[in-house]
Structure formats: structure tokens, C-alpha cells
Amino acid sequence: MIKLDKINKKILEMLQNDSSITNADLAKKIGLAPASTLERVKKLEAAGVIRKYVGLVDQEKVGKGITVFVEVSLVNHTAASINNFTKAIISIPEVLECHHLAGDKDFLLKVVTDNIKQYRDFALGELANLEGIGKVHTLFSLSTVKSSTAIPIDS
């Protein structure tokens, strides 16, 4: 595991805020030479601390106005049924996140669709047809109070 010293933590904070920052600007802001900064970033990437760089899209501006949280309970809890469900859910583009839970529900999905009709089609046409599905509980998001992708880095 890579050591997350004060400088590495600052690099992570800055890249989470703006991953398009140039290496020269990043180096200037953290007070290191560009070559040293690039070496640190490459080590963070190689260690898997930085998994990938993405552009965050405003879902409403691309027509995905509905956010739904879906609690899913499976009929049985064998390793095979859990594995089958997770393999199937990974390939469904409307599912942005899938969390395997402890407690009375097995999975929590974050789903985005254009509208309620499209969600209904997803729920009845795709989700309900997955093998091993027991109960499904749907929660529609009325508004997003906070949305962040930044992982807090202890300084």
C-alpha cells in the first residue's frame, strides 16, 4: 500500500476537485517540481488509489430526470444467487450503483431514467425478470440535497 503523506493527500483532494488540472498547475499549487508531482500521481494510479478520471455529466441536462433507489431482496442467499444477480445487474446501464447490504434488504440500486414510464419498463421488463428476485421496494428521489464524488481525505 502506498503511503499517503500530506502531499499525496493534497494531490488527491485537488484531483477530486478538478481532474483536468494540468500537472504544471498541480505542481505549483502543492509546491513541488512538475516531475516530482507527476511521479507521485503515477504512483497513486499504479497503486489503484486513483482508479480513473471521468467527466461528471448533469443527468437532467441529458434527459435523465428521474433518480430512483431500489431495495432488492433475493429469494435465497447462496453465493451462486448473489453472484448471478451481481453479474446481471452490472450489464444494465440504468443502474449507476449497486450496493450489497447487510440487514433486511440484500441490495440497494441507484437507477436513473428519463421518466416514470421508463422506470416502470425497467422495473417490470428487466429487474423483475432477473433470476432470484424476491421483493423490490422503489423509492423515488424528489430532489438531490447533496451529491459528491469526493472521498474525504484526512489531512
N, C-alpha and C. Protein backbone atom coordinates (compact mmCIF):
# COMPACT_ATOMS: atom_id res chain seq x y z
N MET A 1 0.84 -1.18 0.00
CA MET A 1 0.00 0.00 0.00
C MET A 1 0.88 1.24 0.00
N ILE A 2 0.48 2.22 -0.77
CA ILE A 2 1.23 3.45 -0.89
C ILE A 2 1.02 4.33 0.34
N LYS A 3 2.07 5.04 0.73
CA LYS A 3 1.98 5.94 1.88
C LYS A 3 1.26 7.23 1.46
N LEU A 4 0.23 7.56 2.21
CA LEU A 4 -0.50 8.80 1.93
C LEU A 4 0.00 9.88 2.87
N ASP A 5 1.11 10.50 2.49
CA ASP A 5 1.62 11.61 3.28
C ASP A 5 0.82 12.87 2.96
N LYS A 6 1.20 13.97 3.58
CA LYS A 6 0.46 15.23 3.44
C LYS A 6 0.37 15.67 1.97
N ILE A 7 1.45 15.50 1.23
CA ILE A 7 1.46 15.92 -0.18
C ILE A 7 0.56 15.02 -1.03
N ASN A 8 0.64 13.71 -0.82
CA ASN A 8 -0.24 12.80 -1.57
C ASN A 8 -1.70 13.09 -1.28
N LYS A 9 -2.02 13.39 -0.03
CA LYS A 9 -3.39 13.73 0.33
C LYS A 9 -3.85 15.00 -0.36
N LYS A 10 -2.96 15.98 -0.44
CA LYS A 10 -3.29 17.23 -1.13
C LYS A 10 -3.52 16.97 -2.63
N ILE A 11 -2.68 16.13 -3.22
CA ILE A 11 -2.85 15.76 -4.63
C ILE A 11 -4.23 15.13 -4.84
N LEU A 12 -4.59 14.20 -3.96
CA LEU A 12 -5.89 13.53 -4.09
C LEU A 12 -7.05 14.52 -3.94
N GLU A 13 -6.95 15.41 -2.98
CA GLU A 13 -8.00 16.42 -2.80
C GLU A 13 -8.15 17.28 -4.06
N MET A 14 -7.02 17.72 -4.61
CA MET A 14 -7.07 18.60 -5.78
C MET A 14 -7.58 17.87 -7.02
N LEU A 15 -7.15 16.64 -7.23
CA LEU A 15 -7.60 15.88 -8.40
C LEU A 15 -9.08 15.52 -8.29
N GLN A 16 -9.57 15.28 -7.07
CA GLN A 16 -11.00 15.01 -6.92
C GLN A 16 -11.83 16.25 -7.22
N ASN A 17 -11.28 17.41 -6.95
CA ASN A 17 -11.98 18.66 -7.22
C ASN A 17 -11.93 19.01 -8.70
N ASP A 18 -10.80 18.72 -9.36
CA ASP A 18 -10.65 19.05 -10.79
C ASP A 18 -9.60 18.13 -11.40
N SER A 19 -10.05 17.03 -11.99
CA SER A 19 -9.10 16.06 -12.55
C SER A 19 -8.50 16.54 -13.87
N SER A 20 -9.00 17.66 -14.40
CA SER A 20 -8.44 18.17 -15.65
C SER A 20 -7.30 19.16 -15.42
N ILE A 21 -6.94 19.38 -14.17
CA ILE A 21 -5.84 20.29 -13.86
C ILE A 21 -4.55 19.77 -14.51
N THR A 22 -3.76 20.67 -15.05
CA THR A 22 -2.50 20.25 -15.67
C THR A 22 -1.51 19.88 -14.58
N ASN A 23 -0.56 19.05 -14.94
CA ASN A 23 0.47 18.66 -13.98
C ASN A 23 1.24 19.89 -13.51
N ALA A 24 1.50 20.83 -14.41
CA ALA A 24 2.24 22.05 -14.03
C ALA A 24 1.46 22.86 -13.00
N ASP A 25 0.15 23.02 -13.20
CA ASP A 25 -0.67 23.76 -12.23
C ASP A 25 -0.78 23.01 -10.90
N LEU A 26 -0.92 21.71 -10.97
CA LEU A 26 -0.98 20.90 -9.76
C LEU A 26 0.33 21.04 -8.98
N ALA A 27 1.45 20.95 -9.67
CA ALA A 27 2.76 21.08 -9.03
C ALA A 27 2.91 22.43 -8.35
N LYS A 28 2.48 23.48 -9.04
CA LYS A 28 2.57 24.83 -8.50
C LYS A 28 1.75 24.96 -7.21
N LYS A 29 0.53 24.39 -7.23
CA LYS A 29 -0.36 24.52 -6.08
C LYS A 29 0.09 23.72 -4.87
N ILE A 30 0.79 22.61 -5.10
CA ILE A 30 1.26 21.82 -3.95
C ILE A 30 2.70 22.12 -3.59
N GLY A 31 3.40 22.91 -4.43
CA GLY A 31 4.75 23.33 -4.09
C GLY A 31 5.84 22.32 -4.40
N LEU A 32 5.63 21.51 -5.42
CA LEU A 32 6.65 20.56 -5.85
C LEU A 32 7.02 20.82 -7.30
N ALA A 33 8.13 20.25 -7.72
CA ALA A 33 8.52 20.32 -9.13
C ALA A 33 7.55 19.46 -9.94
N PRO A 34 7.29 19.86 -11.19
CA PRO A 34 6.37 19.08 -12.02
C PRO A 34 6.75 17.60 -12.14
N ALA A 35 8.04 17.30 -12.27
CA ALA A 35 8.47 15.90 -12.40
C ALA A 35 8.15 15.11 -11.13
N SER A 36 8.38 15.70 -9.98
CA SER A 36 8.07 15.03 -8.71
C SER A 36 6.57 14.83 -8.54
N THR A 37 5.82 15.83 -8.95
CA THR A 37 4.35 15.73 -8.86
C THR A 37 3.84 14.62 -9.76
N LEU A 38 4.31 14.59 -10.99
CA LEU A 38 3.88 13.55 -11.93
C LEU A 38 4.25 12.16 -11.41
N GLU A 39 5.43 12.02 -10.83
CA GLU A 39 5.85 10.74 -10.28
C GLU A 39 4.90 10.29 -9.16
N ARG A 40 4.50 11.22 -8.31
CA ARG A 40 3.57 10.90 -7.22
C ARG A 40 2.20 10.48 -7.78
N VAL A 41 1.71 11.23 -8.77
CA VAL A 41 0.41 10.90 -9.37
C VAL A 41 0.47 9.51 -10.01
N LYS A 42 1.54 9.22 -10.73
CA LYS A 42 1.69 7.90 -11.37
C LYS A 42 1.73 6.78 -10.34
N LYS A 43 2.39 7.02 -9.19
CA LYS A 43 2.43 6.01 -8.13
C LYS A 43 1.04 5.80 -7.53
N LEU A 44 0.28 6.90 -7.35
CA LEU A 44 -1.09 6.79 -6.84
C LEU A 44 -1.98 6.01 -7.81
N GLU A 45 -1.78 6.24 -9.11
CA GLU A 45 -2.53 5.50 -10.13
C GLU A 45 -2.14 4.02 -10.13
N ALA A 46 -0.83 3.74 -10.10
CA ALA A 46 -0.34 2.36 -10.14
C ALA A 46 -0.80 1.56 -8.92
N ALA A 47 -0.91 2.24 -7.78
CA ALA A 47 -1.34 1.57 -6.55
C ALA A 47 -2.86 1.40 -6.50
N GLY A 48 -3.58 1.98 -7.48
CA GLY A 48 -5.03 1.86 -7.50
C GLY A 48 -5.74 2.85 -6.60
N VAL A 49 -5.01 3.77 -5.99
CA VAL A 49 -5.63 4.80 -5.16
C VAL A 49 -6.47 5.70 -6.06
N ILE A 50 -5.89 6.09 -7.20
CA ILE A 50 -6.64 6.80 -8.24
C ILE A 50 -7.06 5.73 -9.24
N ARG A 51 -8.37 5.47 -9.30
CA ARG A 51 -8.87 4.39 -10.17
C ARG A 51 -9.03 4.83 -11.60
N LYS A 52 -9.60 6.03 -11.82
CA LYS A 52 -9.81 6.52 -13.17
C LYS A 52 -10.21 7.99 -13.11
N TYR A 53 -10.23 8.61 -14.25
CA TYR A 53 -10.64 10.01 -14.38
C TYR A 53 -11.91 10.04 -15.22
N VAL A 54 -12.88 10.84 -14.80
CA VAL A 54 -14.15 10.91 -15.51
C VAL A 54 -14.63 12.35 -15.64
N GLY A 55 -15.52 12.56 -16.59
CA GLY A 55 -16.25 13.82 -16.69
C GLY A 55 -17.63 13.60 -16.07
N LEU A 56 -18.01 14.42 -15.13
CA LEU A 56 -19.31 14.27 -14.48
C LEU A 56 -20.37 14.98 -15.31
N VAL A 57 -21.43 14.25 -15.63
CA VAL A 57 -22.49 14.75 -16.51
C VAL A 57 -23.70 15.13 -15.66
N ASP A 58 -24.32 16.26 -15.99
CA ASP A 58 -25.56 16.67 -15.33
C ASP A 58 -26.68 15.81 -15.90
N GLN A 59 -27.24 14.93 -15.07
CA GLN A 59 -28.20 13.94 -15.59
C GLN A 59 -29.45 14.60 -16.15
N GLU A 60 -29.91 15.68 -15.58
CA GLU A 60 -31.12 16.33 -16.10
C GLU A 60 -30.87 16.96 -17.46
N LYS A 61 -29.66 17.48 -17.68
CA LYS A 61 -29.34 18.11 -18.96
C LYS A 61 -29.21 17.10 -20.09
N VAL A 62 -29.10 15.82 -19.74
CA VAL A 62 -29.08 14.77 -20.78
C VAL A 62 -30.37 13.95 -20.74
N GLY A 63 -31.40 14.51 -20.11
CA GLY A 63 -32.72 13.90 -20.16
C GLY A 63 -33.00 12.80 -19.15
N LYS A 64 -32.13 12.63 -18.18
CA LYS A 64 -32.34 11.60 -17.15
C LYS A 64 -32.87 12.27 -15.89
N GLY A 65 -34.15 12.63 -15.90
CA GLY A 65 -34.74 13.43 -14.84
C GLY A 65 -35.22 12.67 -13.63
N ILE A 66 -35.21 11.35 -13.67
CA ILE A 66 -35.72 10.55 -12.56
C ILE A 66 -34.57 9.77 -11.92
N THR A 67 -34.42 9.94 -10.61
CA THR A 67 -33.48 9.14 -9.84
C THR A 67 -34.29 8.26 -8.90
N VAL A 68 -33.98 6.98 -8.89
CA VAL A 68 -34.73 6.01 -8.11
C VAL A 68 -33.75 5.16 -7.30
N PHE A 69 -34.09 4.94 -6.05
CA PHE A 69 -33.36 4.00 -5.22
C PHE A 69 -34.23 2.76 -5.08
N VAL A 70 -33.65 1.61 -5.36
CA VAL A 70 -34.41 0.38 -5.39
C VAL A 70 -33.79 -0.61 -4.40
N GLU A 71 -34.59 -1.01 -3.42
CA GLU A 71 -34.16 -2.04 -2.48
C GLU A 71 -34.58 -3.39 -3.04
N VAL A 72 -33.64 -4.31 -3.09
CA VAL A 72 -33.91 -5.62 -3.67
C VAL A 72 -33.60 -6.70 -2.64
N SER A 73 -34.53 -7.61 -2.48
CA SER A 73 -34.31 -8.81 -1.66
C SER A 73 -34.34 -10.02 -2.59
N LEU A 74 -33.39 -10.89 -2.42
CA LEU A 74 -33.34 -12.11 -3.23
C LEU A 74 -34.14 -13.22 -2.55
N VAL A 75 -34.57 -14.18 -3.34
CA VAL A 75 -35.33 -15.31 -2.82
C VAL A 75 -34.44 -16.15 -1.90
N ASN A 76 -33.22 -16.43 -2.33
CA ASN A 76 -32.30 -17.14 -1.46
C ASN A 76 -30.94 -16.45 -1.47
N HIS A 77 -30.10 -16.81 -0.52
CA HIS A 77 -28.87 -16.07 -0.29
C HIS A 77 -27.62 -16.92 -0.48
N THR A 78 -27.68 -17.80 -1.44
CA THR A 78 -26.50 -18.61 -1.73
C THR A 78 -25.49 -17.74 -2.49
N ALA A 79 -24.26 -18.17 -2.43
CA ALA A 79 -23.21 -17.44 -3.17
C ALA A 79 -23.54 -17.41 -4.66
N ALA A 80 -24.09 -18.48 -5.18
CA ALA A 80 -24.43 -18.54 -6.60
C ALA A 80 -25.51 -17.53 -6.96
N SER A 81 -26.56 -17.42 -6.14
CA SER A 81 -27.64 -16.48 -6.47
C SER A 81 -27.16 -15.04 -6.35
N ILE A 82 -26.33 -14.75 -5.36
CA ILE A 82 -25.78 -13.40 -5.22
C ILE A 82 -24.88 -13.08 -6.41
N ASN A 83 -24.05 -14.03 -6.80
CA ASN A 83 -23.15 -13.85 -7.93
C ASN A 83 -23.93 -13.66 -9.23
N ASN A 84 -24.98 -14.44 -9.45
CA ASN A 84 -25.81 -14.30 -10.65
C ASN A 84 -26.47 -12.93 -10.71
N PHE A 85 -26.99 -12.47 -9.57
CA PHE A 85 -27.62 -11.16 -9.54
C PHE A 85 -26.62 -10.06 -9.86
N THR A 86 -25.47 -10.09 -9.20
CA THR A 86 -24.49 -9.02 -9.43
C THR A 86 -23.98 -9.02 -10.86
N LYS A 87 -23.77 -10.19 -11.45
CA LYS A 87 -23.34 -10.24 -12.85
C LYS A 87 -24.39 -9.63 -13.77
N ALA A 88 -25.65 -9.93 -13.51
CA ALA A 88 -26.73 -9.41 -14.35
C ALA A 88 -26.88 -7.91 -14.19
N ILE A 89 -26.80 -7.42 -12.98
CA ILE A 89 -27.07 -6.00 -12.72
C ILE A 89 -25.97 -5.11 -13.29
N ILE A 90 -24.76 -5.62 -13.33
CA ILE A 90 -23.62 -4.85 -13.85
C ILE A 90 -23.84 -4.44 -15.31
N SER A 91 -24.55 -5.27 -16.07
CA SER A 91 -24.73 -5.00 -17.50
C SER A 91 -25.91 -4.08 -17.81
N ILE A 92 -26.65 -3.63 -16.80
CA ILE A 92 -27.82 -2.79 -17.04
C ILE A 92 -27.42 -1.32 -16.91
N PRO A 93 -27.46 -0.56 -18.01
CA PRO A 93 -26.95 0.82 -17.99
C PRO A 93 -27.71 1.79 -17.08
N GLU A 94 -28.98 1.55 -16.85
CA GLU A 94 -29.75 2.45 -15.98
C GLU A 94 -29.29 2.39 -14.53
N VAL A 95 -28.65 1.30 -14.15
CA VAL A 95 -28.17 1.12 -12.77
C VAL A 95 -26.80 1.78 -12.65
N LEU A 96 -26.76 2.90 -11.92
CA LEU A 96 -25.49 3.61 -11.73
C LEU A 96 -24.68 3.02 -10.60
N GLU A 97 -25.37 2.55 -9.56
CA GLU A 97 -24.69 1.98 -8.40
C GLU A 97 -25.46 0.76 -7.93
N CYS A 98 -24.73 -0.21 -7.40
CA CYS A 98 -25.33 -1.40 -6.80
C CYS A 98 -24.52 -1.70 -5.55
N HIS A 99 -25.19 -1.67 -4.41
CA HIS A 99 -24.55 -1.92 -3.13
C HIS A 99 -25.11 -3.20 -2.52
N HIS A 100 -24.23 -4.10 -2.13
CA HIS A 100 -24.63 -5.32 -1.43
C HIS A 100 -24.71 -4.95 0.05
N LEU A 101 -25.85 -5.21 0.67
CA LEU A 101 -26.13 -4.71 2.01
C LEU A 101 -26.14 -5.80 3.06
N ALA A 102 -25.92 -5.38 4.30
CA ALA A 102 -26.22 -6.20 5.47
C ALA A 102 -27.56 -5.69 5.98
N GLY A 103 -28.38 -6.56 6.51
CA GLY A 103 -29.68 -6.13 7.01
C GLY A 103 -30.81 -6.87 6.32
N ASP A 104 -32.00 -6.28 6.36
CA ASP A 104 -33.16 -7.00 5.83
C ASP A 104 -33.32 -6.88 4.31
N LYS A 105 -32.58 -6.02 3.66
CA LYS A 105 -32.55 -5.94 2.19
C LYS A 105 -31.19 -6.43 1.73
N ASP A 106 -31.15 -7.00 0.54
CA ASP A 106 -29.89 -7.55 0.04
C ASP A 106 -29.07 -6.57 -0.79
N PHE A 107 -29.76 -5.76 -1.58
CA PHE A 107 -29.06 -4.83 -2.46
C PHE A 107 -29.80 -3.50 -2.49
N LEU A 108 -29.03 -2.43 -2.71
CA LEU A 108 -29.59 -1.11 -2.95
C LEU A 108 -29.04 -0.63 -4.29
N LEU A 109 -29.96 -0.30 -5.19
CA LEU A 109 -29.58 0.17 -6.52
C LEU A 109 -29.89 1.65 -6.64
N LYS A 110 -29.02 2.36 -7.34
CA LYS A 110 -29.32 3.74 -7.75
C LYS A 110 -29.53 3.68 -9.25
N VAL A 111 -30.72 4.09 -9.66
CA VAL A 111 -31.15 3.96 -11.06
C VAL A 111 -31.55 5.34 -11.58
N VAL A 112 -31.18 5.65 -12.82
CA VAL A 112 -31.65 6.88 -13.46
C VAL A 112 -32.38 6.52 -14.74
N THR A 113 -33.48 7.24 -14.98
CA THR A 113 -34.26 7.05 -16.20
C THR A 113 -34.76 8.40 -16.68
N ASP A 114 -35.31 8.42 -17.88
CA ASP A 114 -35.87 9.64 -18.45
C ASP A 114 -37.13 10.08 -17.71
N ASN A 115 -37.98 9.10 -17.37
CA ASN A 115 -39.28 9.41 -16.78
C ASN A 115 -39.81 8.19 -16.04
N ILE A 116 -40.96 8.33 -15.42
CA ILE A 116 -41.53 7.24 -14.63
C ILE A 116 -41.92 6.06 -15.51
N LYS A 117 -42.42 6.32 -16.71
CA LYS A 117 -42.77 5.22 -17.62
C LYS A 117 -41.54 4.39 -17.94
N GLN A 118 -40.43 5.05 -18.20
CA GLN A 118 -39.20 4.30 -18.50
C GLN A 118 -38.75 3.50 -17.27
N TYR A 119 -38.93 4.07 -16.07
CA TYR A 119 -38.59 3.29 -14.87
C TYR A 119 -39.50 2.07 -14.75
N ARG A 120 -40.79 2.25 -15.00
CA ARG A 120 -41.73 1.13 -14.94
C ARG A 120 -41.30 0.03 -15.92
N ASP A 121 -40.92 0.43 -17.13
CA ASP A 121 -40.46 -0.55 -18.12
C ASP A 121 -39.20 -1.28 -17.63
N PHE A 122 -38.30 -0.53 -17.01
CA PHE A 122 -37.09 -1.12 -16.45
C PHE A 122 -37.44 -2.11 -15.33
N ALA A 123 -38.31 -1.66 -14.40
CA ALA A 123 -38.65 -2.48 -13.23
C ALA A 123 -39.38 -3.76 -13.63
N LEU A 124 -40.33 -3.63 -14.55
CA LEU A 124 -41.13 -4.79 -14.95
C LEU A 124 -40.47 -5.63 -16.04
N GLY A 125 -39.72 -4.97 -16.90
CA GLY A 125 -39.14 -5.67 -18.04
C GLY A 125 -37.76 -6.23 -17.80
N GLU A 126 -36.96 -5.57 -16.99
CA GLU A 126 -35.59 -6.05 -16.76
C GLU A 126 -35.40 -6.58 -15.35
N LEU A 127 -35.65 -5.72 -14.38
CA LEU A 127 -35.37 -6.09 -12.99
C LEU A 127 -36.21 -7.29 -12.54
N ALA A 128 -37.50 -7.25 -12.76
CA ALA A 128 -38.39 -8.33 -12.30
C ALA A 128 -38.09 -9.65 -12.98
N ASN A 129 -37.46 -9.61 -14.14
CA ASN A 129 -37.16 -10.84 -14.87
C ASN A 129 -35.81 -11.45 -14.52
N LEU A 130 -35.06 -10.79 -13.63
CA LEU A 130 -33.78 -11.38 -13.21
C LEU A 130 -34.05 -12.58 -12.31
N GLU A 131 -33.27 -13.61 -12.50
CA GLU A 131 -33.44 -14.84 -11.72
C GLU A 131 -33.15 -14.57 -10.24
N GLY A 132 -34.01 -15.07 -9.38
CA GLY A 132 -33.78 -15.00 -7.95
C GLY A 132 -34.32 -13.77 -7.24
N ILE A 133 -35.00 -12.88 -7.98
CA ILE A 133 -35.55 -11.67 -7.36
C ILE A 133 -36.71 -12.05 -6.45
N GLY A 134 -36.69 -11.53 -5.25
CA GLY A 134 -37.80 -11.72 -4.32
C GLY A 134 -38.64 -10.46 -4.27
N LYS A 135 -38.34 -9.60 -3.33
CA LYS A 135 -39.08 -8.35 -3.18
C LYS A 135 -38.27 -7.18 -3.74
N VAL A 136 -39.02 -6.20 -4.28
CA VAL A 136 -38.43 -4.96 -4.79
C VAL A 136 -39.20 -3.81 -4.15
N HIS A 137 -38.47 -2.86 -3.59
CA HIS A 137 -39.09 -1.68 -2.99
C HIS A 137 -38.48 -0.45 -3.65
N THR A 138 -39.33 0.39 -4.23
CA THR A 138 -38.89 1.54 -5.02
C THR A 138 -39.07 2.83 -4.23
N LEU A 139 -38.03 3.67 -4.25
CA LEU A 139 -38.06 4.98 -3.62
C LEU A 139 -37.67 6.02 -4.66
N PHE A 140 -38.58 6.94 -4.99
CA PHE A 140 -38.28 7.99 -5.97
C PHE A 140 -37.67 9.18 -5.25
N SER A 141 -36.58 9.70 -5.79
CA SER A 141 -35.94 10.88 -5.24
C SER A 141 -36.70 12.12 -5.70
N LEU A 142 -37.11 12.95 -4.73
CA LEU A 142 -37.80 14.20 -5.07
C LEU A 142 -36.80 15.29 -5.45
N SER A 143 -35.67 15.32 -4.78
CA SER A 143 -34.60 16.26 -5.12
C SER A 143 -33.30 15.76 -4.52
N THR A 144 -32.21 16.25 -5.05
CA THR A 144 -30.89 15.88 -4.55
C THR A 144 -30.38 17.02 -3.69
N VAL A 145 -30.20 16.76 -2.42
CA VAL A 145 -29.74 17.77 -1.48
C VAL A 145 -28.22 17.87 -1.53
N LYS A 146 -27.56 16.74 -1.66
CA LYS A 146 -26.10 16.71 -1.76
C LYS A 146 -25.70 15.58 -2.68
N SER A 147 -24.76 15.85 -3.55
CA SER A 147 -24.20 14.83 -4.42
C SER A 147 -22.72 15.12 -4.57
N SER A 148 -21.91 14.19 -4.16
CA SER A 148 -20.46 14.38 -4.24
C SER A 148 -19.80 13.10 -4.66
N THR A 149 -18.72 13.21 -5.37
CA THR A 149 -17.91 12.04 -5.69
C THR A 149 -16.60 12.05 -4.93
N ALA A 150 -16.35 13.14 -4.18
CA ALA A 150 -15.08 13.29 -3.48
C ALA A 150 -15.07 12.47 -2.19
N ILE A 151 -14.05 11.64 -2.06
CA ILE A 151 -13.83 10.87 -0.83
C ILE A 151 -13.07 11.78 0.13
N PRO A 152 -13.56 11.95 1.37
CA PRO A 152 -12.84 12.81 2.32
C PRO A 152 -11.44 12.25 2.59
N ILE A 153 -10.45 13.10 2.47
CA ILE A 153 -9.05 12.72 2.71
C ILE A 153 -8.59 13.43 3.98
N ASP A 154 -8.25 12.64 4.99
CA ASP A 154 -7.78 13.24 6.25
C ASP A 154 -6.44 13.92 6.01
N SER A 155 -6.41 15.18 6.33
CA SER A 155 -5.16 15.94 6.11
C SER A 155 -4.18 15.75 7.25
